[in-house]
Protein backbone atom coordinates (compact mmCIF):
# COMPACT_ATOMS: atom_id res chain seq x y z
CA MET A 1 0.31 -12.78 18.14
CA MET A 2 3.85 -10.53 18.20
CA ARG A 3 2.77 -9.46 14.36
CA GLU A 4 -0.78 -8.51 15.92
CA LEU A 5 0.80 -6.64 18.54
CA PHE A 6 3.31 -4.88 17.24
CA LEU A 7 0.72 -3.65 13.39
CA THR A 8 -2.53 -2.66 15.91
CA LEU A 9 0.50 -0.87 18.71
CA PHE A 10 -0.46 -2.68 21.05
CA TYR A 11 -4.41 -3.51 20.17
CA SER A 12 -4.64 0.40 19.82
CA GLY A 13 -5.67 -0.03 16.16
CA LYS A 14 -8.61 -2.40 17.48
CA SER A 15 -10.89 0.56 18.88
CA PRO A 16 -14.00 0.66 17.60
CA ILE A 17 -13.98 4.21 17.08
CA ALA A 18 -11.22 6.19 15.76
CA PRO A 19 -8.27 3.65 15.58
CA GLY A 20 -5.79 5.85 13.63
CA THR A 21 -6.19 8.46 16.21
CA ILE A 22 -6.03 6.24 18.87
CA GLY A 23 -2.86 4.64 17.03
CA SER A 24 -1.42 8.11 16.78
CA ILE A 25 -2.29 9.19 20.87
CA VAL A 26 -0.37 6.24 22.01
CA ALA A 27 2.79 6.44 19.55
CA LEU A 28 2.60 10.22 20.67
CA VAL A 29 2.64 8.83 24.43
CA ILE A 30 5.32 6.29 23.65
CA GLY A 31 7.41 8.38 21.80
CA LEU A 32 7.07 11.53 24.99
CA PRO A 33 10.35 10.15 26.84
CA LEU A 34 12.03 9.14 23.08
CA VAL A 35 11.71 12.99 21.79
CA TYR A 36 12.57 14.55 24.98
CA PHE A 37 16.17 12.70 25.32
CA SER A 38 17.26 12.89 21.61
CA ALA A 39 15.07 14.17 18.73
CA GLU A 40 17.27 12.53 16.22
CA SER A 41 17.29 8.77 17.64
CA ILE A 42 13.27 9.41 17.96
CA PHE A 43 13.27 10.32 13.81
CA LEU A 44 15.89 7.18 13.65
CA LEU A 45 13.65 4.83 14.96
CA GLY A 46 10.68 5.77 13.20
CA ILE A 47 12.64 5.04 9.52
CA LEU A 48 13.89 1.82 11.31
CA ILE A 49 10.30 0.67 12.63
CA GLY A 50 8.51 1.82 9.30
CA ILE A 51 11.01 -0.95 7.67
CA ILE A 52 10.23 -3.67 9.50
CA ALA A 53 6.47 -2.34 9.01
CA VAL A 54 6.61 -2.76 5.50
CA LYS A 55 8.06 -6.54 5.72
CA GLN A 56 5.45 -7.50 8.57
CA ILE A 57 2.46 -5.75 6.55
CA ASP A 58 3.77 -7.55 3.22
CA VAL A 59 3.83 -10.86 5.11
CA TYR A 60 0.50 -10.12 6.52
CA GLU A 61 -0.94 -9.16 3.54
CA LYS A 62 -0.04 -12.26 1.20
CA SER A 63 -1.31 -14.21 4.08
CA GLY A 64 -5.04 -13.51 3.28
CA GLY A 65 -5.04 -9.64 5.37
CA ILE A 66 -6.77 -7.03 3.82
CA HIS A 67 -4.46 -4.29 2.68
CA ASP A 68 -4.50 -1.17 4.53
CA ASP A 69 -6.48 -2.69 7.38
CA LYS A 70 -7.74 -0.38 9.85
CA SER A 71 -6.44 -1.91 13.01
CA ILE A 72 -3.16 -1.50 10.90
CA VAL A 73 -2.06 1.26 13.37
CA ILE A 74 1.94 1.17 12.65
CA ASP A 75 2.43 3.48 10.15
CA GLU A 76 0.79 5.79 12.23
CA LEU A 77 3.52 5.96 15.01
CA VAL A 78 5.85 5.91 12.12
CA GLY A 79 4.46 9.04 10.39
CA ILE A 80 3.95 10.59 14.06
CA TRP A 81 7.86 9.41 15.34
CA LEU A 82 8.98 11.12 12.12
CA ALA A 83 6.92 14.53 12.79
CA MET A 84 8.48 14.37 16.60
CA GLY A 85 11.99 14.03 15.06
CA MET A 86 11.97 16.86 12.96
CA VAL A 87 10.15 19.73 15.59
CA GLY A 88 11.65 18.60 18.64
CA PHE A 89 10.56 18.90 22.35
CA SER A 90 8.32 21.34 22.97
CA LEU A 91 4.41 22.03 23.55
CA ALA A 92 3.88 23.76 20.37
CA GLY A 93 5.61 21.46 18.77
CA LEU A 94 3.95 17.78 20.05
CA ILE A 95 0.66 19.66 18.85
CA GLY A 96 1.03 20.98 16.18
CA ALA A 97 3.05 17.74 15.15
CA PHE A 98 0.12 15.72 16.69
CA LEU A 99 -2.57 17.61 14.54
CA PHE A 100 -0.98 18.36 11.64
CA PHE A 101 0.38 14.57 11.26
CA ARG A 102 -3.74 13.97 11.74
CA LEU A 103 -4.77 16.13 9.26
CA TYR A 104 -2.67 15.22 6.59
CA ASP A 105 -3.23 11.12 7.22
CA VAL A 106 -7.16 11.62 7.09
CA VAL A 107 -7.52 14.29 4.42
CA LYS A 108 -4.23 12.50 1.99
CA PRO A 109 -3.19 15.92 0.04
CA SER A 110 -1.69 15.68 -2.80
CA ILE A 111 0.88 13.18 -3.42
CA ILE A 112 -0.31 11.63 0.59
CA GLY A 113 -3.07 10.50 -1.36
CA ARG A 114 -1.61 9.27 -4.65
CA VAL A 115 0.53 6.68 -2.69
CA ASP A 116 -2.36 5.48 -0.71
CA ARG A 117 -4.28 5.01 -3.61
CA ASP A 118 -1.24 3.74 -6.18
CA ILE A 119 1.18 1.90 -3.78
CA LYS A 120 0.19 -1.50 -2.94
CA GLY A 121 1.51 -3.86 -0.29
CA GLY A 122 3.62 -2.52 2.92
CA PHE A 123 5.35 0.24 0.97
CA GLY A 124 1.50 1.97 0.63
CA VAL A 125 0.39 1.47 3.99
CA VAL A 126 3.48 2.93 5.92
CA GLY A 127 4.63 5.37 2.08
CA ASP A 128 1.56 7.66 2.91
CA ASP A 129 2.19 8.16 6.49
CA VAL A 130 5.96 8.74 5.95
CA LEU A 131 5.18 11.65 3.92
CA ALA A 132 1.74 12.75 5.96
CA GLY A 133 4.79 12.90 8.99
CA ILE A 134 7.23 14.89 6.87
CA ILE A 135 5.09 17.70 5.49
CA ALA A 136 3.39 17.64 8.92
CA GLY A 137 6.89 18.19 10.28
CA LEU A 138 7.36 21.20 8.30
CA SER A 139 4.28 22.49 8.36
CA THR A 140 5.21 22.64 12.65
CA LEU A 141 8.74 23.93 11.93
CA VAL A 142 6.68 26.61 10.02
CA CYS A 143 4.38 27.59 12.38
CA LEU A 144 7.21 27.21 15.39
CA LYS A 145 8.71 30.06 13.13
CA VAL A 146 6.07 32.29 13.14
CA MET A 147 5.82 32.02 16.90
CA ASP A 148 9.19 33.07 17.11
CA TYR A 149 8.86 35.40 14.75
CA PHE A 150 5.75 37.24 17.30
CA GLN A 151 7.95 36.45 20.83
CA ILE A 152 5.23 33.88 21.94
CA ASP A 153 6.78 31.04 23.84
CA LYS A 154 6.32 27.36 22.62
CA ASN A 155 7.14 26.05 25.98
CA LEU A 156 4.12 27.24 27.71
CA TYR A 157 3.16 24.67 30.38
CA LEU A 158 5.49 21.50 29.23
CA PHE A 159 6.32 20.04 32.76
C-alpha cells in the first residue's frame, strides 16, 4: 500500500492519460514551495528520493511487478526536482525545466535512451530520468543566460 502510494506519487501515475506528464505536474506542484525556499535542498531531496526509489522499484519488480511500469512516476519526481534545483525559482526557469524534462524523458535522446533500454531494475527506471533532469536543468540554464543577454525578465507574472 505505502510502496504503491510512493511509486505512483500519490496515485498520479494511475492516470489513464499521460501518467508521466501528470506525475511530472504533481511533482512540480509539490516542489514549488521547496524550490522557493531552497534550490539546493530540492536538488538533494531529489537525490535522496531517487536512491529510495531505486530500492523500492527493485523490490516491486522482484515481487512480480512489470519493469518500468507506466504507473511508476516517482522517477519523474526525481528528474524534475533535479532540474528545478539547478534552475531555481523563476517562472521562466520552472517552465523551461518542466518542458525540457518532459521532452528529454519522452524522446530519450542519446545516453538517456541507452540507460532506459540497457539498464534493468530500479537503477534503469530512475537513471534515465536523472539524466533527463540534469540535461533539462543545463538546457534551461542556457536559455536563462540567453534571456539575461537579451535582458528578458525571467520572473514575469510569478506570484
